[in-house]
Amino acid sequence: MMDNTKQQEEFSQIYDKYIDKIYRFIFLKVNSMETAEDLSSEVFTRCWRKFQDNHDNPAVIENPQAFLYQVARNIVVDHYREKSKAQFVSTDFASVIDPRADIKERVEFSSDLCMIRTALTGLKNEYQEMIIWHYLDDLSIPEISNILSKPEGTIRVALHRAIKSLKKEFERHEA
């Protein structure tokens, strides 16, 4: 049986390791910083509950990253289902820009992120997620395969198609 202090330490390590990635993933899927913060908080609240519910078996969350992304995906879907909102592009990128970067880097990053987000909104959800995970969060094909519970070959093909679709979206927005 895991004592509460050890459980809190383990959860704290998971939180510190994944909060930025989960927040960025959610932020790119919703329309505001506040919503992304609230939904990210909900992801980690559910994770903590899972920890507490299984205090006798802490290994119940064998892959915290996959678990967190699955919860994040479900929370975003629930958010849009409840609100019946259409996704739209937000230009509020302050929270995902490195505050240590100089002003030119921040402006360029903000502009690039806006273009990426605009193009991503034209893709189906699974393609959006794969691109975010692989290219922004640096997840490997096996990690994405684990999150989506699909074979690696299927992920490679889908990622290739996602990039192809993203290129078309960029071309469409440039025209």
C-alpha atoms as a PDB file:
ATOM      1  CA  MET A   1       0.000   0.000   0.000  1.00  0.00           C
ATOM      2  CA  MET A   2       1.346   3.423  -0.966  1.00  0.00           C
ATOM      3  CA  ASP A   3       1.348   6.085   1.734  1.00  0.00           C
ATOM      4  CA  ASN A   4      -0.268   9.423   0.987  1.00  0.00           C
ATOM      5  CA  THR A   5       3.028  11.377   0.920  1.00  0.00           C
ATOM      6  CA  LYS A   6       4.593   9.016  -1.622  1.00  0.00           C
ATOM      7  CA  GLN A   7       1.383   9.127  -3.657  1.00  0.00           C
ATOM      8  CA  GLN A   8       1.453  12.937  -3.644  1.00  0.00           C
ATOM      9  CA  GLU A   9       5.126  12.968  -4.669  1.00  0.00           C
ATOM     10  CA  GLU A  10       4.497  10.606  -7.555  1.00  0.00           C
ATOM     11  CA  PHE A  11       1.504  12.640  -8.716  1.00  0.00           C
ATOM     12  CA  SER A  12       3.491  15.870  -8.361  1.00  0.00           C
ATOM     13  CA  GLN A  13       6.209  14.463 -10.620  1.00  0.00           C
ATOM     14  CA  ILE A  14       3.632  13.482 -13.230  1.00  0.00           C
ATOM     15  CA  TYR A  15       2.029  16.931 -13.006  1.00  0.00           C
ATOM     16  CA  ASP A  16       5.356  18.749 -13.392  1.00  0.00           C
ATOM     17  CA  LYS A  17       6.387  16.570 -16.316  1.00  0.00           C
ATOM     18  CA  TYR A  18       3.154  16.835 -18.326  1.00  0.00           C
ATOM     19  CA  ILE A  19       1.285  20.033 -17.397  1.00  0.00           C
ATOM     20  CA  ASP A  20       2.822  22.158 -20.164  1.00  0.00           C
ATOM     21  CA  LYS A  21       2.157  19.547 -22.848  1.00  0.00           C
ATOM     22  CA  ILE A  22      -1.402  18.893 -21.732  1.00  0.00           C
ATOM     23  CA  TYR A  23      -2.129  22.618 -21.506  1.00  0.00           C
ATOM     24  CA  ARG A  24      -0.681  23.283 -24.984  1.00  0.00           C
ATOM     25  CA  PHE A  25      -2.634  20.366 -26.453  1.00  0.00           C
ATOM     26  CA  ILE A  26      -5.892  21.630 -24.962  1.00  0.00           C
ATOM     27  CA  PHE A  27      -5.133  25.279 -25.777  1.00  0.00           C
ATOM     28  CA  LEU A  28      -4.721  24.423 -29.451  1.00  0.00           C
ATOM     29  CA  LYS A  29      -8.132  22.730 -29.394  1.00  0.00           C
ATOM     30  CA  VAL A  30     -10.188  25.369 -27.541  1.00  0.00           C
ATOM     31  CA  ASN A  31     -10.789  29.060 -27.894  1.00  0.00           C
ATOM     32  CA  SER A  32      -9.276  30.691 -24.817  1.00  0.00           C
ATOM     33  CA  MET A  33      -6.526  30.571 -22.235  1.00  0.00           C
ATOM     34  CA  GLU A  34      -9.069  30.420 -19.423  1.00  0.00           C
ATOM     35  CA  THR A  35     -10.861  27.451 -20.941  1.00  0.00           C
ATOM     36  CA  ALA A  36      -7.549  25.673 -21.540  1.00  0.00           C
ATOM     37  CA  GLU A  37      -6.543  26.304 -17.926  1.00  0.00           C
ATOM     38  CA  ASP A  38      -9.871  25.003 -16.607  1.00  0.00           C
ATOM     39  CA  LEU A  39      -9.820  21.904 -18.794  1.00  0.00           C
ATOM     40  CA  SER A  40      -6.159  21.190 -17.962  1.00  0.00           C
ATOM     41  CA  SER A  41      -7.036  21.438 -14.307  1.00  0.00           C
ATOM     42  CA  GLU A  42      -9.855  18.950 -14.847  1.00  0.00           C
ATOM     43  CA  VAL A  43      -7.451  16.512 -16.540  1.00  0.00           C
ATOM     44  CA  PHE A  44      -5.169  16.487 -13.513  1.00  0.00           C
ATOM     45  CA  THR A  45      -8.079  16.373 -11.085  1.00  0.00           C
ATOM     46  CA  ARG A  46      -9.285  13.187 -12.796  1.00  0.00           C
ATOM     47  CA  CYS A  47      -5.760  11.805 -12.733  1.00  0.00           C
ATOM     48  CA  TRP A  48      -5.493  12.510  -8.994  1.00  0.00           C
ATOM     49  CA  ARG A  49      -8.832  10.797  -8.388  1.00  0.00           C
ATOM     50  CA  LYS A  50      -7.592   7.765 -10.298  1.00  0.00           C
ATOM     51  CA  PHE A  51      -4.501   7.741  -8.076  1.00  0.00           C
ATOM     52  CA  GLN A  52      -6.616   7.948  -4.948  1.00  0.00           C
ATOM     53  CA  ASP A  53      -9.131   5.341  -6.092  1.00  0.00           C
ATOM     54  CA  ASN A  54      -6.292   2.905  -6.680  1.00  0.00           C
ATOM     55  CA  HIS A  55      -4.055   3.695  -3.723  1.00  0.00           C
ATOM     56  CA  ASP A  56      -3.411  -0.028  -3.179  1.00  0.00           C
ATOM     57  CA  ASN A  57      -2.271  -0.420  -6.771  1.00  0.00           C
ATOM     58  CA  PRO A  58      -0.448   2.744  -7.910  1.00  0.00           C
ATOM     59  CA  ALA A  59       0.693   1.019 -11.125  1.00  0.00           C
ATOM     60  CA  VAL A  60      -2.906   1.118 -12.358  1.00  0.00           C
ATOM     61  CA  ILE A  61      -1.828   4.082 -14.471  1.00  0.00           C
ATOM     62  CA  GLU A  62       0.952   2.247 -16.282  1.00  0.00           C
ATOM     63  CA  ASN A  63       1.514   5.005 -18.825  1.00  0.00           C
ATOM     64  CA  PRO A  64       0.693   8.409 -17.314  1.00  0.00           C
ATOM     65  CA  GLN A  65       1.294  10.234 -20.600  1.00  0.00           C
ATOM     66  CA  ALA A  66      -1.181   8.074 -22.523  1.00  0.00           C
ATOM     67  CA  PHE A  67      -3.686   8.303 -19.671  1.00  0.00           C
ATOM     68  CA  LEU A  68      -3.438  12.118 -19.497  1.00  0.00           C
ATOM     69  CA  TYR A  69      -3.811  12.592 -23.247  1.00  0.00           C
ATOM     70  CA  GLN A  70      -6.815  10.249 -23.337  1.00  0.00           C
ATOM     71  CA  VAL A  71      -8.441  12.194 -20.508  1.00  0.00           C
ATOM     72  CA  ALA A  72      -7.585  15.494 -22.234  1.00  0.00           C
ATOM     73  CA  ARG A  73      -9.134  14.295 -25.507  1.00  0.00           C
ATOM     74  CA  ASN A  74     -12.305  13.235 -23.709  1.00  0.00           C
ATOM     75  CA  ILE A  75     -12.537  16.501 -21.777  1.00  0.00           C
ATOM     76  CA  VAL A  76     -12.183  18.583 -24.942  1.00  0.00           C
ATOM     77  CA  VAL A  77     -14.893  16.512 -26.658  1.00  0.00           C
ATOM     78  CA  ASP A  78     -17.124  16.915 -23.607  1.00  0.00           C
ATOM     79  CA  HIS A  79     -16.441  20.652 -23.566  1.00  0.00           C
ATOM     80  CA  TYR A  80     -17.627  21.088 -27.151  1.00  0.00           C
ATOM     81  CA  ARG A  81     -20.508  18.718 -26.701  1.00  0.00           C
ATOM     82  CA  GLU A  82     -21.725  20.642 -23.652  1.00  0.00           C
ATOM     83  CA  LYS A  83     -21.225  24.055 -25.140  1.00  0.00           C
ATOM     84  CA  SER A  84     -22.183  23.127 -28.702  1.00  0.00           C
ATOM     85  CA  LYS A  85     -19.471  25.470 -29.879  1.00  0.00           C
ATOM     86  CA  ALA A  86     -17.679  25.505 -33.167  1.00  0.00           C
ATOM     87  CA  GLN A  87     -13.923  25.757 -32.886  1.00  0.00           C
ATOM     88  CA  PHE A  88     -12.455  29.058 -33.921  1.00  0.00           C
ATOM     89  CA  VAL A  89      -9.011  30.566 -33.979  1.00  0.00           C
ATOM     90  CA  SER A  90      -7.825  32.548 -31.001  1.00  0.00           C
ATOM     91  CA  THR A  91      -4.843  34.866 -31.194  1.00  0.00           C
ATOM     92  CA  ASP A  92      -4.201  34.744 -27.449  1.00  0.00           C
ATOM     93  CA  PHE A  93      -0.886  32.882 -27.452  1.00  0.00           C
ATOM     94  CA  ALA A  94       0.854  34.620 -24.547  1.00  0.00           C
ATOM     95  CA  SER A  95       0.701  31.574 -22.302  1.00  0.00           C
ATOM     96  CA  VAL A  96       2.491  29.228 -24.714  1.00  0.00           C
ATOM     97  CA  ILE A  97       5.297  31.594 -25.688  1.00  0.00           C
ATOM     98  CA  ASP A  98       8.560  31.355 -23.774  1.00  0.00           C
ATOM     99  CA  PRO A  99       8.761  34.565 -21.711  1.00  0.00           C
ATOM    100  CA  ARG A 100      12.570  34.427 -21.921  1.00  0.00           C
ATOM    101  CA  ALA A 101      12.482  34.848 -25.709  1.00  0.00           C
ATOM    102  CA  ASP A 102      13.194  38.281 -27.117  1.00  0.00           C
ATOM    103  CA  ILE A 103      10.351  40.318 -28.603  1.00  0.00           C
ATOM    104  CA  LYS A 104      11.177  39.386 -32.222  1.00  0.00           C
ATOM    105  CA  GLU A 105      11.133  35.664 -31.389  1.00  0.00           C
ATOM    106  CA  ARG A 106       7.843  36.029 -29.511  1.00  0.00           C
ATOM    107  CA  VAL A 107       6.195  37.888 -32.408  1.00  0.00           C
ATOM    108  CA  GLU A 108       7.442  35.313 -34.941  1.00  0.00           C
ATOM    109  CA  PHE A 109       6.342  32.430 -32.720  1.00  0.00           C
ATOM    110  CA  SER A 110       2.927  33.983 -32.175  1.00  0.00           C
ATOM    111  CA  SER A 111       2.484  34.499 -35.909  1.00  0.00           C
ATOM    112  CA  ASP A 112       3.611  30.956 -36.718  1.00  0.00           C
ATOM    113  CA  LEU A 113       1.376  29.498 -34.017  1.00  0.00           C
ATOM    114  CA  CYS A 114      -1.601  31.468 -35.345  1.00  0.00           C
ATOM    115  CA  MET A 115      -0.997  30.116 -38.859  1.00  0.00           C
ATOM    116  CA  ILE A 116      -0.630  26.574 -37.533  1.00  0.00           C
ATOM    117  CA  ARG A 117      -3.752  26.825 -35.419  1.00  0.00           C
ATOM    118  CA  THR A 118      -5.757  28.233 -38.317  1.00  0.00           C
ATOM    119  CA  ALA A 119      -4.633  25.386 -40.564  1.00  0.00           C
ATOM    120  CA  LEU A 120      -5.184  22.764 -37.845  1.00  0.00           C
ATOM    121  CA  THR A 121      -8.804  23.768 -37.335  1.00  0.00           C
ATOM    122  CA  GLY A 122      -9.494  22.653 -40.905  1.00  0.00           C
ATOM    123  CA  LEU A 123      -8.353  19.100 -40.148  1.00  0.00           C
ATOM    124  CA  LYS A 124     -10.278  16.295 -38.542  1.00  0.00           C
ATOM    125  CA  ASN A 125      -9.640  15.900 -34.810  1.00  0.00           C
ATOM    126  CA  GLU A 126      -7.463  12.808 -35.017  1.00  0.00           C
ATOM    127  CA  TYR A 127      -5.144  14.515 -37.520  1.00  0.00           C
ATOM    128  CA  GLN A 128      -4.955  17.613 -35.306  1.00  0.00           C
ATOM    129  CA  GLU A 129      -4.028  15.501 -32.310  1.00  0.00           C
ATOM    130  CA  MET A 130      -1.378  13.488 -34.129  1.00  0.00           C
ATOM    131  CA  ILE A 131       0.312  16.605 -35.494  1.00  0.00           C
ATOM    132  CA  ILE A 132       0.283  18.312 -32.086  1.00  0.00           C
ATOM    133  CA  TRP A 133       1.614  15.233 -30.324  1.00  0.00           C
ATOM    134  CA  HIS A 134       4.292  14.350 -32.850  1.00  0.00           C
ATOM    135  CA  TYR A 135       5.563  17.754 -33.945  1.00  0.00           C
ATOM    136  CA  LEU A 136       4.846  20.024 -30.976  1.00  0.00           C
ATOM    137  CA  ASP A 137       5.077  17.608 -28.059  1.00  0.00           C
ATOM    138  CA  ASP A 138       7.777  15.414 -29.662  1.00  0.00           C
ATOM    139  CA  LEU A 139       5.937  12.161 -29.019  1.00  0.00           C
ATOM    140  CA  SER A 140       7.200   9.142 -30.907  1.00  0.00           C
ATOM    141  CA  ILE A 141       5.064   6.958 -33.162  1.00  0.00           C
ATOM    142  CA  PRO A 142       4.971   4.215 -30.465  1.00  0.00           C
ATOM    143  CA  GLU A 143       3.810   6.752 -27.858  1.00  0.00           C
ATOM    144  CA  ILE A 144       1.015   8.006 -30.122  1.00  0.00           C
ATOM    145  CA  SER A 145       0.127   4.408 -30.913  1.00  0.00           C
ATOM    146  CA  ASN A 146      -0.207   3.760 -27.188  1.00  0.00           C
ATOM    147  CA  ILE A 147      -2.400   6.825 -26.638  1.00  0.00           C
ATOM    148  CA  LEU A 148      -4.753   5.976 -29.497  1.00  0.00           C
ATOM    149  CA  SER A 149      -4.586   2.190 -29.010  1.00  0.00           C
ATOM    150  CA  LYS A 150      -3.801   1.691 -32.692  1.00  0.00           C
ATOM    151  CA  PRO A 151      -0.950  -0.141 -34.455  1.00  0.00           C
ATOM    152  CA  GLU A 152       2.188   1.880 -35.205  1.00  0.00           C
ATOM    153  CA  GLY A 153       1.778   1.314 -38.954  1.00  0.00           C
ATOM    154  CA  THR A 154      -1.693   2.841 -38.807  1.00  0.00           C
ATOM    155  CA  ILE A 155      -0.292   5.853 -36.946  1.00  0.00           C
ATOM    156  CA  ARG A 156       2.497   6.344 -39.511  1.00  0.00           C
ATOM    157  CA  VAL A 157       0.009   6.293 -42.396  1.00  0.00           C
ATOM    158  CA  ALA A 158      -2.430   8.594 -40.580  1.00  0.00           C
ATOM    159  CA  LEU A 159       0.366  11.017 -39.652  1.00  0.00           C
ATOM    160  CA  HIS A 160       1.479  11.112 -43.284  1.00  0.00           C
ATOM    161  CA  ARG A 161      -2.103  11.858 -44.360  1.00  0.00           C
ATOM    162  CA  ALA A 162      -2.425  14.464 -41.613  1.00  0.00           C
ATOM    163  CA  ILE A 163       0.659  16.313 -42.866  1.00  0.00           C
ATOM    164  CA  LYS A 164      -0.633  16.131 -46.424  1.00  0.00           C
ATOM    165  CA  SER A 165      -3.964  17.605 -45.274  1.00  0.00           C
ATOM    166  CA  LEU A 166      -2.170  20.285 -43.262  1.00  0.00           C
ATOM    167  CA  LYS A 167      -0.180  21.330 -46.338  1.00  0.00           C
ATOM    168  CA  LYS A 168      -3.433  21.651 -48.292  1.00  0.00           C
ATOM    169  CA  GLU A 169      -4.898  23.792 -45.500  1.00  0.00           C
ATOM    170  CA  PHE A 170      -1.836  26.076 -45.556  1.00  0.00           C
ATOM    171  CA  GLU A 171      -2.145  26.417 -49.322  1.00  0.00           C
ATOM    172  CA  ARG A 172      -5.845  27.175 -49.006  1.00  0.00           C
ATOM    173  CA  HIS A 173      -5.216  29.927 -46.437  1.00  0.00           C
ATOM    174  CA  GLU A 174      -2.357  31.448 -48.454  1.00  0.00           C
ATOM    175  CA  ALA A 175      -4.491  31.716 -51.601  1.00  0.00           C
END
